[in-house]
Amino acid sequence: MTTLLLGTTDKQLAMLKSRQDTFGKDARKEIKRRKMVGFWDGTNAVVVDSKELIDATLDVKEEEYVYAPGVTKT
């Protein structure tokens, strides 16, 4: 494992984890290690605004299927 990743922040590790080389592999291992020991530095935190309005109308479209000749919808 690369020892350089021990000093990186959670946000930097999250950016590195999608790489398909040894740095990405080591970043994924470091993220897993930090989860196991319960380490979290807060740099990759998601902020949720509880007062934000949510649009309650959902655009739900019913799919229309095309059936083969002679097949009927039941």
N, C-alpha and C. Protein backbone atom coordinates (compact mmCIF):
# COMPACT_ATOMS: atom_id res chain seq x y z
N MET A 1 0.84 -1.17 0.00
CA MET A 1 0.00 0.00 0.00
C MET A 1 0.89 1.24 0.00
N THR A 2 0.47 2.24 -0.71
CA THR A 2 1.22 3.48 -0.78
C THR A 2 1.02 4.26 0.52
N THR A 3 2.12 4.61 1.17
CA THR A 3 2.02 5.34 2.44
C THR A 3 1.62 6.79 2.24
N LEU A 4 1.68 7.28 1.00
CA LEU A 4 1.25 8.65 0.73
C LEU A 4 -0.24 8.84 0.99
N LEU A 5 -1.01 7.78 0.86
CA LEU A 5 -2.45 7.88 1.02
C LEU A 5 -2.88 7.97 2.49
N LEU A 6 -1.98 7.67 3.40
CA LEU A 6 -2.34 7.76 4.82
C LEU A 6 -2.59 9.19 5.24
N GLY A 7 -1.96 10.15 4.59
CA GLY A 7 -2.11 11.55 4.95
C GLY A 7 -3.12 12.30 4.10
N THR A 8 -3.79 11.63 3.19
CA THR A 8 -4.75 12.32 2.32
C THR A 8 -6.10 12.45 3.02
N THR A 9 -6.88 13.38 2.54
CA THR A 9 -8.21 13.59 3.12
C THR A 9 -9.20 12.62 2.48
N ASP A 10 -10.37 12.51 3.10
CA ASP A 10 -11.41 11.64 2.55
C ASP A 10 -11.87 12.10 1.18
N LYS A 11 -11.90 13.40 0.97
CA LYS A 11 -12.33 13.95 -0.32
C LYS A 11 -11.33 13.59 -1.41
N GLN A 12 -10.05 13.65 -1.12
CA GLN A 12 -9.04 13.29 -2.09
C GLN A 12 -9.11 11.79 -2.41
N LEU A 13 -9.35 10.98 -1.39
CA LEU A 13 -9.47 9.54 -1.63
C LEU A 13 -10.69 9.22 -2.48
N ALA A 14 -11.78 9.94 -2.28
CA ALA A 14 -12.98 9.72 -3.07
C ALA A 14 -12.73 10.03 -4.54
N MET A 15 -11.90 11.02 -4.81
CA MET A 15 -11.57 11.35 -6.20
C MET A 15 -10.63 10.30 -6.81
N LEU A 16 -9.75 9.74 -6.00
CA LEU A 16 -8.78 8.77 -6.50
C LEU A 16 -9.36 7.37 -6.69
N LYS A 17 -10.45 7.04 -6.02
CA LYS A 17 -10.93 5.66 -6.02
C LYS A 17 -11.43 5.19 -7.38
N SER A 18 -11.76 6.11 -8.30
CA SER A 18 -12.24 5.70 -9.61
C SER A 18 -11.11 5.39 -10.59
N ARG A 19 -9.89 5.66 -10.20
CA ARG A 19 -8.76 5.38 -11.09
C ARG A 19 -8.55 3.88 -11.22
N GLN A 20 -8.08 3.44 -12.36
CA GLN A 20 -7.88 2.02 -12.62
C GLN A 20 -6.39 1.67 -12.62
N ASP A 21 -5.67 2.17 -11.63
CA ASP A 21 -4.26 1.83 -11.49
C ASP A 21 -3.97 1.54 -10.02
N THR A 22 -2.70 1.48 -9.66
CA THR A 22 -2.36 1.12 -8.29
C THR A 22 -2.79 2.19 -7.29
N PHE A 23 -2.80 3.46 -7.70
CA PHE A 23 -3.27 4.51 -6.78
C PHE A 23 -4.75 4.35 -6.49
N GLY A 24 -5.54 4.00 -7.50
CA GLY A 24 -6.96 3.77 -7.29
C GLY A 24 -7.21 2.57 -6.39
N LYS A 25 -6.45 1.52 -6.62
CA LYS A 25 -6.58 0.32 -5.80
C LYS A 25 -6.22 0.61 -4.34
N ASP A 26 -5.11 1.33 -4.16
CA ASP A 26 -4.69 1.68 -2.80
C ASP A 26 -5.67 2.65 -2.15
N ALA A 27 -6.26 3.54 -2.92
CA ALA A 27 -7.25 4.47 -2.37
C ALA A 27 -8.49 3.71 -1.89
N ARG A 28 -8.93 2.72 -2.67
CA ARG A 28 -10.08 1.92 -2.25
C ARG A 28 -9.76 1.12 -0.99
N LYS A 29 -8.54 0.60 -0.89
CA LYS A 29 -8.13 -0.12 0.32
C LYS A 29 -8.10 0.82 1.53
N GLU A 30 -7.60 2.03 1.33
CA GLU A 30 -7.51 3.00 2.42
C GLU A 30 -8.90 3.43 2.88
N ILE A 31 -9.84 3.60 1.94
CA ILE A 31 -11.21 3.94 2.31
C ILE A 31 -11.81 2.81 3.14
N LYS A 32 -11.58 1.58 2.72
CA LYS A 32 -12.09 0.42 3.47
C LYS A 32 -11.46 0.35 4.86
N ARG A 33 -10.15 0.62 4.94
CA ARG A 33 -9.46 0.58 6.23
C ARG A 33 -10.02 1.64 7.17
N ARG A 34 -10.27 2.85 6.64
CA ARG A 34 -10.80 3.94 7.46
C ARG A 34 -12.22 3.62 7.95
N LYS A 35 -13.01 2.96 7.11
CA LYS A 35 -14.36 2.57 7.55
C LYS A 35 -14.29 1.55 8.66
N MET A 36 -13.33 0.62 8.57
CA MET A 36 -13.21 -0.43 9.59
C MET A 36 -12.80 0.14 10.95
N VAL A 37 -11.93 1.16 10.96
CA VAL A 37 -11.48 1.72 12.23
C VAL A 37 -12.35 2.88 12.69
N GLY A 38 -13.28 3.33 11.83
CA GLY A 38 -14.19 4.40 12.22
C GLY A 38 -13.60 5.79 12.06
N PHE A 39 -12.61 5.94 11.19
CA PHE A 39 -11.99 7.25 10.98
C PHE A 39 -12.77 8.04 9.95
N TRP A 40 -13.02 9.30 10.23
CA TRP A 40 -13.74 10.18 9.32
C TRP A 40 -13.28 11.59 9.59
N ASP A 41 -12.69 12.28 8.59
CA ASP A 41 -12.20 13.63 8.84
C ASP A 41 -13.19 14.71 8.44
N GLY A 42 -14.30 14.34 7.81
CA GLY A 42 -15.36 15.30 7.53
C GLY A 42 -15.21 16.08 6.24
N THR A 43 -14.15 15.84 5.47
CA THR A 43 -13.97 16.60 4.25
C THR A 43 -14.87 16.12 3.12
N ASN A 44 -15.41 14.91 3.23
CA ASN A 44 -16.27 14.37 2.18
C ASN A 44 -17.72 14.30 2.69
N ALA A 45 -18.09 15.20 3.56
CA ALA A 45 -19.43 15.19 4.14
C ALA A 45 -20.46 15.73 3.16
N VAL A 46 -21.65 15.16 3.22
CA VAL A 46 -22.75 15.62 2.38
C VAL A 46 -23.64 16.51 3.23
N VAL A 47 -23.90 17.72 2.75
CA VAL A 47 -24.71 18.67 3.50
C VAL A 47 -26.13 18.59 2.97
N VAL A 48 -27.08 18.36 3.90
CA VAL A 48 -28.48 18.26 3.54
C VAL A 48 -29.22 19.42 4.19
N ASP A 49 -29.95 20.20 3.38
CA ASP A 49 -30.72 21.32 3.88
C ASP A 49 -32.12 20.81 4.19
N SER A 50 -32.47 20.76 5.46
CA SER A 50 -33.77 20.21 5.86
C SER A 50 -34.92 21.16 5.52
N LYS A 51 -34.64 22.40 5.22
CA LYS A 51 -35.69 23.36 4.91
C LYS A 51 -35.94 23.49 3.40
N GLU A 52 -35.18 22.77 2.60
CA GLU A 52 -35.34 22.84 1.16
C GLU A 52 -36.66 22.20 0.74
N LEU A 53 -37.37 22.86 -0.16
CA LEU A 53 -38.64 22.35 -0.63
C LEU A 53 -38.42 21.22 -1.63
N ILE A 54 -39.25 20.20 -1.51
CA ILE A 54 -39.16 19.06 -2.40
C ILE A 54 -40.37 19.08 -3.31
N ASP A 55 -40.13 18.91 -4.59
CA ASP A 55 -41.22 18.89 -5.56
C ASP A 55 -41.97 17.57 -5.42
N ALA A 56 -43.23 17.64 -5.00
CA ALA A 56 -44.03 16.45 -4.73
C ALA A 56 -44.66 15.84 -5.97
N THR A 57 -44.63 16.57 -7.07
CA THR A 57 -45.24 16.03 -8.28
C THR A 57 -44.21 15.18 -9.01
N LEU A 58 -44.57 13.96 -9.20
CA LEU A 58 -43.68 13.04 -9.91
C LEU A 58 -44.23 12.79 -11.30
N ASP A 59 -43.38 12.85 -12.27
CA ASP A 59 -43.80 12.58 -13.63
C ASP A 59 -43.71 11.08 -13.88
N VAL A 60 -44.78 10.38 -13.60
CA VAL A 60 -44.82 8.94 -13.79
C VAL A 60 -45.56 8.66 -15.09
N LYS A 61 -44.87 8.05 -16.00
CA LYS A 61 -45.47 7.72 -17.29
C LYS A 61 -45.67 6.21 -17.37
N GLU A 62 -46.84 5.82 -17.79
CA GLU A 62 -47.11 4.40 -17.94
C GLU A 62 -46.54 3.97 -19.28
N GLU A 63 -45.78 2.90 -19.27
CA GLU A 63 -45.18 2.43 -20.50
C GLU A 63 -46.23 1.73 -21.35
N GLU A 64 -46.17 1.99 -22.62
CA GLU A 64 -47.09 1.38 -23.57
C GLU A 64 -46.32 0.31 -24.33
N TYR A 65 -46.79 -0.92 -24.25
CA TYR A 65 -46.12 -2.03 -24.90
C TYR A 65 -46.76 -2.31 -26.26
N VAL A 66 -45.95 -2.73 -27.19
CA VAL A 66 -46.44 -3.14 -28.51
C VAL A 66 -46.42 -4.67 -28.54
N TYR A 67 -47.58 -5.25 -28.75
CA TYR A 67 -47.71 -6.70 -28.74
C TYR A 67 -47.67 -7.24 -30.16
N ALA A 68 -47.24 -8.47 -30.28
CA ALA A 68 -47.20 -9.16 -31.57
C ALA A 68 -48.62 -9.34 -32.08
N PRO A 69 -48.78 -9.46 -33.37
CA PRO A 69 -50.12 -9.67 -33.93
C PRO A 69 -50.78 -10.94 -33.34
N GLY A 70 -52.03 -10.79 -32.93
CA GLY A 70 -52.76 -11.92 -32.37
C GLY A 70 -52.66 -12.03 -30.85
N VAL A 71 -51.78 -11.22 -30.21
CA VAL A 71 -51.63 -11.25 -28.76
C VAL A 71 -52.40 -10.08 -28.19
N THR A 72 -53.21 -10.34 -27.17
CA THR A 72 -53.99 -9.29 -26.57
C THR A 72 -53.52 -9.01 -25.14
N LYS A 73 -53.75 -7.81 -24.70
CA LYS A 73 -53.39 -7.40 -23.36
C LYS A 73 -54.44 -7.91 -22.39
N THR A 74 -54.04 -8.55 -21.31
CA THR A 74 -55.00 -9.06 -20.32
C THR A 74 -55.00 -8.24 -19.08
